[in-house]
Amino acid sequence: MQTTPRNPTDGIYRADDYLHALEVQGTGRLLFVSGTMGLDAQGTAPETLEEQLVLVWSNLRRILAEAEMTTDNIVRLTSYLRDAAFREANQAARLRALNGRRVPTTAIVVQTLEDDWLVEIEVIAAA
């Protein structure tokens, strides 16, 4: 699989910690991952955003592993945040999880289905 960032810098606003687009060629498989929460194995959400971010990325790694993929295979990411104040922590967790690699990313502030769910992330991965 070959990926090519498509991130114009003139005539458009800057994309510093994400890409405007990522071209993917030579992929044999695509994996569409449902919105994944920061829940433990019993389905319980920890109280803090930081704990939920650790769990959400752990859960995403487990789902990707099931398809013999890693976070290196993520080509698109959408975060659903309960509060706009969570933006920076979510951004930092994403950059850590992707080892600084930038992908097309969207963050949306939403009311989650359960009051204790602070963040949900869905991804598309390619191999």
N, C-alpha and C. Protein backbone atom coordinates (compact mmCIF):
# COMPACT_ATOMS: atom_id res chain seq x y z
N MET A 1 0.84 -1.16 0.00
CA MET A 1 0.00 0.00 0.00
C MET A 1 0.89 1.23 0.00
N GLN A 2 0.54 2.18 -0.85
CA GLN A 2 1.26 3.45 -0.90
C GLN A 2 0.32 4.57 -0.51
N THR A 3 0.79 5.45 0.36
CA THR A 3 -0.01 6.61 0.75
C THR A 3 0.73 7.89 0.35
N THR A 4 -0.05 8.84 -0.13
CA THR A 4 0.51 10.13 -0.53
C THR A 4 -0.30 11.24 0.13
N PRO A 5 0.33 12.02 1.01
CA PRO A 5 -0.39 13.15 1.60
C PRO A 5 -0.78 14.15 0.51
N ARG A 6 -1.99 14.64 0.58
CA ARG A 6 -2.48 15.70 -0.31
C ARG A 6 -2.88 16.84 0.61
N ASN A 7 -1.91 17.73 0.86
CA ASN A 7 -2.08 18.75 1.87
C ASN A 7 -1.64 20.10 1.31
N PRO A 8 -2.45 20.71 0.43
CA PRO A 8 -2.04 21.99 -0.17
C PRO A 8 -1.84 23.05 0.90
N THR A 9 -0.90 23.96 0.62
CA THR A 9 -0.59 25.01 1.59
C THR A 9 -0.92 26.41 1.08
N ASP A 10 -1.26 26.55 -0.21
CA ASP A 10 -1.60 27.87 -0.71
C ASP A 10 -3.07 27.87 -1.15
N GLY A 11 -3.73 28.97 -0.88
CA GLY A 11 -5.13 29.11 -1.27
C GLY A 11 -6.11 28.36 -0.39
N ILE A 12 -5.63 27.86 0.75
CA ILE A 12 -6.49 27.09 1.66
C ILE A 12 -5.93 27.24 3.07
N TYR A 13 -6.76 27.05 4.08
CA TYR A 13 -6.30 27.15 5.46
C TYR A 13 -5.33 26.02 5.78
N ARG A 14 -4.49 26.26 6.80
CA ARG A 14 -3.45 25.31 7.19
C ARG A 14 -4.05 24.09 7.90
N ALA A 15 -3.46 22.96 7.66
CA ALA A 15 -3.76 21.73 8.39
C ALA A 15 -2.47 21.31 9.08
N ASP A 16 -2.32 21.68 10.35
CA ASP A 16 -1.05 21.46 11.04
C ASP A 16 -0.90 20.07 11.63
N ASP A 17 -1.90 19.58 12.35
CA ASP A 17 -1.77 18.30 13.03
C ASP A 17 -2.57 17.19 12.35
N TYR A 18 -3.07 17.47 11.16
CA TYR A 18 -3.80 16.48 10.37
C TYR A 18 -3.56 16.79 8.90
N LEU A 19 -4.08 15.98 8.00
CA LEU A 19 -3.97 16.22 6.56
C LEU A 19 -5.33 16.58 5.99
N HIS A 20 -5.32 17.42 4.96
CA HIS A 20 -6.57 17.67 4.25
C HIS A 20 -7.04 16.39 3.56
N ALA A 21 -6.10 15.62 3.02
CA ALA A 21 -6.46 14.38 2.32
C ALA A 21 -5.27 13.44 2.30
N LEU A 22 -5.55 12.16 2.14
CA LEU A 22 -4.52 11.14 2.03
C LEU A 22 -4.92 10.21 0.89
N GLU A 23 -4.12 10.18 -0.14
CA GLU A 23 -4.38 9.28 -1.27
C GLU A 23 -3.81 7.90 -0.93
N VAL A 24 -4.60 6.86 -1.13
CA VAL A 24 -4.18 5.49 -0.84
C VAL A 24 -4.24 4.69 -2.13
N GLN A 25 -3.12 4.09 -2.49
CA GLN A 25 -3.05 3.26 -3.69
C GLN A 25 -2.54 1.88 -3.33
N GLY A 26 -2.96 0.90 -4.10
CA GLY A 26 -2.47 -0.45 -3.92
C GLY A 26 -2.98 -1.14 -2.67
N THR A 27 -4.14 -0.73 -2.20
CA THR A 27 -4.70 -1.38 -1.03
C THR A 27 -5.46 -2.63 -1.44
N GLY A 28 -5.28 -3.67 -0.68
CA GLY A 28 -6.03 -4.89 -0.92
C GLY A 28 -7.21 -5.03 0.02
N ARG A 29 -7.14 -4.33 1.16
CA ARG A 29 -8.19 -4.46 2.17
C ARG A 29 -8.48 -3.11 2.80
N LEU A 30 -9.75 -2.90 3.12
CA LEU A 30 -10.18 -1.75 3.90
C LEU A 30 -10.91 -2.26 5.13
N LEU A 31 -10.69 -1.60 6.26
CA LEU A 31 -11.35 -1.96 7.50
C LEU A 31 -12.07 -0.72 8.01
N PHE A 32 -13.38 -0.80 8.15
CA PHE A 32 -14.19 0.29 8.66
C PHE A 32 -14.54 -0.04 10.11
N VAL A 33 -14.01 0.74 11.05
CA VAL A 33 -14.18 0.46 12.47
C VAL A 33 -15.29 1.35 13.03
N SER A 34 -16.24 0.74 13.68
CA SER A 34 -17.32 1.48 14.34
C SER A 34 -16.76 2.44 15.36
N GLY A 35 -17.58 3.40 15.75
CA GLY A 35 -17.19 4.28 16.84
C GLY A 35 -16.82 3.43 18.05
N THR A 36 -15.64 3.66 18.57
CA THR A 36 -15.10 2.85 19.66
C THR A 36 -14.94 3.74 20.89
N MET A 37 -15.45 3.27 22.02
CA MET A 37 -15.42 4.05 23.25
C MET A 37 -14.27 3.64 24.14
N GLY A 38 -14.00 4.47 25.12
CA GLY A 38 -12.99 4.17 26.14
C GLY A 38 -13.60 3.39 27.28
N LEU A 39 -14.05 2.19 26.97
CA LEU A 39 -14.67 1.31 27.97
C LEU A 39 -13.74 0.15 28.26
N ASP A 40 -13.77 -0.34 29.50
CA ASP A 40 -12.97 -1.51 29.83
C ASP A 40 -13.68 -2.77 29.33
N ALA A 41 -13.08 -3.93 29.59
CA ALA A 41 -13.62 -5.21 29.09
C ALA A 41 -15.02 -5.52 29.65
N GLN A 42 -15.37 -4.91 30.76
CA GLN A 42 -16.70 -5.12 31.33
C GLN A 42 -17.71 -4.09 30.82
N GLY A 43 -17.25 -3.17 29.95
CA GLY A 43 -18.13 -2.16 29.40
C GLY A 43 -18.30 -0.93 30.28
N THR A 44 -17.38 -0.75 31.22
CA THR A 44 -17.45 0.38 32.14
C THR A 44 -16.50 1.49 31.69
N ALA A 45 -16.99 2.72 31.75
CA ALA A 45 -16.17 3.88 31.39
C ALA A 45 -15.50 4.44 32.64
N PRO A 46 -14.17 4.64 32.59
CA PRO A 46 -13.52 5.31 33.70
C PRO A 46 -14.02 6.76 33.79
N GLU A 47 -13.75 7.41 34.90
CA GLU A 47 -14.28 8.75 35.12
C GLU A 47 -13.58 9.83 34.32
N THR A 48 -12.27 9.70 34.07
CA THR A 48 -11.56 10.82 33.45
C THR A 48 -11.40 10.64 31.94
N LEU A 49 -11.28 11.77 31.28
CA LEU A 49 -11.04 11.77 29.84
C LEU A 49 -9.73 11.07 29.51
N GLU A 50 -8.69 11.33 30.28
CA GLU A 50 -7.39 10.73 30.02
C GLU A 50 -7.46 9.21 30.08
N GLU A 51 -8.16 8.69 31.08
CA GLU A 51 -8.31 7.23 31.19
C GLU A 51 -9.11 6.68 30.01
N GLN A 52 -10.14 7.39 29.59
CA GLN A 52 -10.94 6.93 28.46
C GLN A 52 -10.15 6.98 27.16
N LEU A 53 -9.29 8.00 27.00
CA LEU A 53 -8.47 8.07 25.79
C LEU A 53 -7.48 6.91 25.73
N VAL A 54 -6.90 6.55 26.88
CA VAL A 54 -6.00 5.39 26.91
C VAL A 54 -6.75 4.14 26.49
N LEU A 55 -7.94 3.95 27.04
CA LEU A 55 -8.73 2.76 26.71
C LEU A 55 -9.22 2.75 25.27
N VAL A 56 -9.66 3.90 24.76
CA VAL A 56 -10.17 3.91 23.39
C VAL A 56 -9.06 3.51 22.42
N TRP A 57 -7.84 4.00 22.65
CA TRP A 57 -6.75 3.62 21.75
C TRP A 57 -6.32 2.17 21.97
N SER A 58 -6.40 1.67 23.18
CA SER A 58 -6.14 0.26 23.43
C SER A 58 -7.18 -0.61 22.71
N ASN A 59 -8.44 -0.20 22.80
CA ASN A 59 -9.51 -0.94 22.13
C ASN A 59 -9.33 -0.90 20.61
N LEU A 60 -8.96 0.27 20.07
CA LEU A 60 -8.73 0.36 18.62
C LEU A 60 -7.57 -0.53 18.20
N ARG A 61 -6.49 -0.56 18.98
CA ARG A 61 -5.37 -1.44 18.65
C ARG A 61 -5.80 -2.90 18.63
N ARG A 62 -6.66 -3.28 19.56
CA ARG A 62 -7.13 -4.68 19.61
C ARG A 62 -7.97 -5.02 18.39
N ILE A 63 -8.86 -4.10 18.00
CA ILE A 63 -9.71 -4.32 16.81
C ILE A 63 -8.84 -4.40 15.56
N LEU A 64 -7.88 -3.48 15.44
CA LEU A 64 -6.98 -3.52 14.28
C LEU A 64 -6.18 -4.81 14.24
N ALA A 65 -5.71 -5.27 15.40
CA ALA A 65 -4.93 -6.51 15.46
C ALA A 65 -5.75 -7.70 14.96
N GLU A 66 -7.04 -7.68 15.23
CA GLU A 66 -7.92 -8.76 14.75
C GLU A 66 -7.88 -8.87 13.23
N ALA A 67 -7.62 -7.74 12.56
CA ALA A 67 -7.52 -7.72 11.09
C ALA A 67 -6.06 -7.71 10.64
N GLU A 68 -5.14 -8.04 11.56
CA GLU A 68 -3.71 -8.04 11.29
C GLU A 68 -3.25 -6.67 10.78
N MET A 69 -3.71 -5.63 11.47
CA MET A 69 -3.34 -4.25 11.18
C MET A 69 -2.88 -3.58 12.47
N THR A 70 -2.28 -2.40 12.33
CA THR A 70 -1.86 -1.58 13.46
C THR A 70 -2.36 -0.15 13.23
N THR A 71 -2.03 0.73 14.15
CA THR A 71 -2.41 2.13 13.96
C THR A 71 -1.72 2.73 12.72
N ASP A 72 -0.65 2.10 12.24
CA ASP A 72 0.00 2.56 11.01
C ASP A 72 -0.91 2.41 9.80
N ASN A 73 -1.92 1.56 9.90
CA ASN A 73 -2.85 1.33 8.79
C ASN A 73 -4.01 2.32 8.77
N ILE A 74 -4.16 3.14 9.82
CA ILE A 74 -5.26 4.10 9.86
C ILE A 74 -5.06 5.16 8.79
N VAL A 75 -6.09 5.36 7.97
CA VAL A 75 -6.03 6.36 6.90
C VAL A 75 -7.09 7.45 7.06
N ARG A 76 -7.99 7.31 8.03
CA ARG A 76 -9.05 8.31 8.28
C ARG A 76 -9.52 8.13 9.71
N LEU A 77 -9.79 9.26 10.40
CA LEU A 77 -10.18 9.19 11.81
C LEU A 77 -11.21 10.27 12.11
N THR A 78 -12.26 9.89 12.84
CA THR A 78 -13.26 10.84 13.32
C THR A 78 -13.40 10.66 14.82
N SER A 79 -13.29 11.79 15.55
CA SER A 79 -13.47 11.79 17.00
C SER A 79 -14.79 12.46 17.33
N TYR A 80 -15.52 11.87 18.25
CA TYR A 80 -16.75 12.46 18.76
C TYR A 80 -16.50 12.79 20.23
N LEU A 81 -16.52 14.08 20.54
CA LEU A 81 -16.18 14.55 21.88
C LEU A 81 -17.42 15.07 22.58
N ARG A 82 -17.57 14.74 23.84
CA ARG A 82 -18.71 15.21 24.62
C ARG A 82 -18.62 16.71 24.89
N ASP A 83 -17.40 17.25 24.91
CA ASP A 83 -17.20 18.66 25.24
C ASP A 83 -16.06 19.20 24.38
N ALA A 84 -16.22 20.41 23.86
CA ALA A 84 -15.18 21.03 23.04
C ALA A 84 -13.88 21.21 23.82
N ALA A 85 -13.96 21.30 25.13
CA ALA A 85 -12.76 21.44 25.96
C ALA A 85 -11.86 20.21 25.88
N PHE A 86 -12.35 19.11 25.34
CA PHE A 86 -11.57 17.87 25.23
C PHE A 86 -10.67 17.86 23.99
N ARG A 87 -10.77 18.89 23.16
CA ARG A 87 -10.07 18.91 21.87
C ARG A 87 -8.57 18.69 22.01
N GLU A 88 -7.92 19.44 22.87
CA GLU A 88 -6.46 19.34 22.97
C GLU A 88 -6.00 17.99 23.49
N ALA A 89 -6.67 17.47 24.50
CA ALA A 89 -6.29 16.15 25.04
C ALA A 89 -6.50 15.07 23.99
N ASN A 90 -7.59 15.17 23.25
CA ASN A 90 -7.86 14.20 22.18
C ASN A 90 -6.80 14.31 21.09
N GLN A 91 -6.46 15.53 20.71
CA GLN A 91 -5.43 15.75 19.69
C GLN A 91 -4.10 15.14 20.13
N ALA A 92 -3.70 15.39 21.36
CA ALA A 92 -2.44 14.85 21.86
C ALA A 92 -2.45 13.33 21.89
N ALA A 93 -3.56 12.73 22.31
CA ALA A 93 -3.67 11.27 22.35
C ALA A 93 -3.60 10.69 20.94
N ARG A 94 -4.25 11.35 19.98
CA ARG A 94 -4.22 10.89 18.59
C ARG A 94 -2.80 10.93 18.04
N LEU A 95 -2.11 12.05 18.25
CA LEU A 95 -0.75 12.17 17.74
C LEU A 95 0.18 11.13 18.38
N ARG A 96 -0.01 10.86 19.69
CA ARG A 96 0.79 9.81 20.35
C ARG A 96 0.48 8.45 19.76
N ALA A 97 -0.80 8.14 19.61
CA ALA A 97 -1.21 6.83 19.11
C ALA A 97 -0.72 6.58 17.68
N LEU A 98 -0.67 7.64 16.89
CA LEU A 98 -0.22 7.51 15.51
C LEU A 98 1.26 7.82 15.34
N ASN A 99 1.98 7.95 16.45
CA ASN A 99 3.41 8.25 16.43
C ASN A 99 3.71 9.50 15.61
N GLY A 100 2.86 10.51 15.73
CA GLY A 100 3.06 11.77 15.03
C GLY A 100 2.60 11.76 13.58
N ARG A 101 2.20 10.60 13.07
CA ARG A 101 1.73 10.51 11.68
C ARG A 101 0.41 11.24 11.55
N ARG A 102 0.26 12.02 10.50
CA ARG A 102 -0.96 12.79 10.29
C ARG A 102 -1.85 12.08 9.27
N VAL A 103 -3.14 12.07 9.55
CA VAL A 103 -4.14 11.50 8.64
C VAL A 103 -5.31 12.49 8.57
N PRO A 104 -6.17 12.35 7.57
CA PRO A 104 -7.38 13.17 7.56
C PRO A 104 -8.19 12.90 8.84
N THR A 105 -8.57 13.98 9.51
CA THR A 105 -9.17 13.88 10.83
C THR A 105 -10.30 14.88 10.98
N THR A 106 -11.35 14.46 11.65
CA THR A 106 -12.45 15.36 12.00
C THR A 106 -12.79 15.13 13.47
N ALA A 107 -13.04 16.21 14.19
CA ALA A 107 -13.52 16.12 15.57
C ALA A 107 -14.86 16.83 15.63
N ILE A 108 -15.83 16.16 16.26
CA ILE A 108 -17.19 16.68 16.34
C ILE A 108 -17.62 16.66 17.80
N VAL A 109 -18.25 17.73 18.25
CA VAL A 109 -18.78 17.78 19.61
C VAL A 109 -20.22 17.28 19.55
N VAL A 110 -20.52 16.27 20.38
CA VAL A 110 -21.83 15.60 20.34
C VAL A 110 -22.32 15.32 21.76
N GLN A 111 -23.58 14.99 21.85
CA GLN A 111 -24.10 14.42 23.08
C GLN A 111 -24.02 12.91 22.91
N THR A 112 -23.27 12.23 23.76
CA THR A 112 -23.10 10.80 23.64
C THR A 112 -24.32 10.06 24.16
N LEU A 113 -24.44 8.80 23.79
CA LEU A 113 -25.60 8.01 24.18
C LEU A 113 -25.65 7.76 25.68
N GLU A 114 -24.50 7.70 26.30
CA GLU A 114 -24.42 7.51 27.76
C GLU A 114 -23.67 8.70 28.35
N ASP A 115 -24.12 9.19 29.48
CA ASP A 115 -23.51 10.37 30.09
C ASP A 115 -22.04 10.19 30.44
N ASP A 116 -21.61 8.96 30.75
CA ASP A 116 -20.23 8.76 31.16
C ASP A 116 -19.28 8.51 29.99
N TRP A 117 -19.77 8.46 28.75
CA TRP A 117 -18.91 8.33 27.58
C TRP A 117 -18.44 9.71 27.20
N LEU A 118 -17.14 9.97 27.29
CA LEU A 118 -16.59 11.29 27.03
C LEU A 118 -16.02 11.43 25.63
N VAL A 119 -15.65 10.31 25.01
CA VAL A 119 -15.03 10.33 23.69
C VAL A 119 -15.36 9.02 22.97
N GLU A 120 -15.52 9.13 21.67
CA GLU A 120 -15.72 7.96 20.82
C GLU A 120 -14.93 8.24 19.54
N ILE A 121 -14.22 7.23 19.04
CA ILE A 121 -13.41 7.41 17.84
C ILE A 121 -13.71 6.30 16.85
N GLU A 122 -13.90 6.70 15.59
CA GLU A 122 -14.03 5.70 14.52
C GLU A 122 -12.92 5.92 13.52
N VAL A 123 -12.47 4.83 12.93
CA VAL A 123 -11.36 4.91 11.98
C VAL A 123 -11.66 4.07 10.74
N ILE A 124 -10.93 4.41 9.69
CA ILE A 124 -10.83 3.57 8.49
C ILE A 124 -9.37 3.21 8.36
N ALA A 125 -9.10 1.94 8.16
CA ALA A 125 -7.73 1.46 7.99
C ALA A 125 -7.63 0.74 6.65
N ALA A 126 -6.43 0.76 6.08
CA ALA A 126 -6.20 0.12 4.78
C ALA A 126 -4.90 -0.68 4.85
N ALA A 127 -4.89 -1.78 4.12
CA ALA A 127 -3.67 -2.60 4.04
C ALA A 127 -3.53 -3.13 2.62
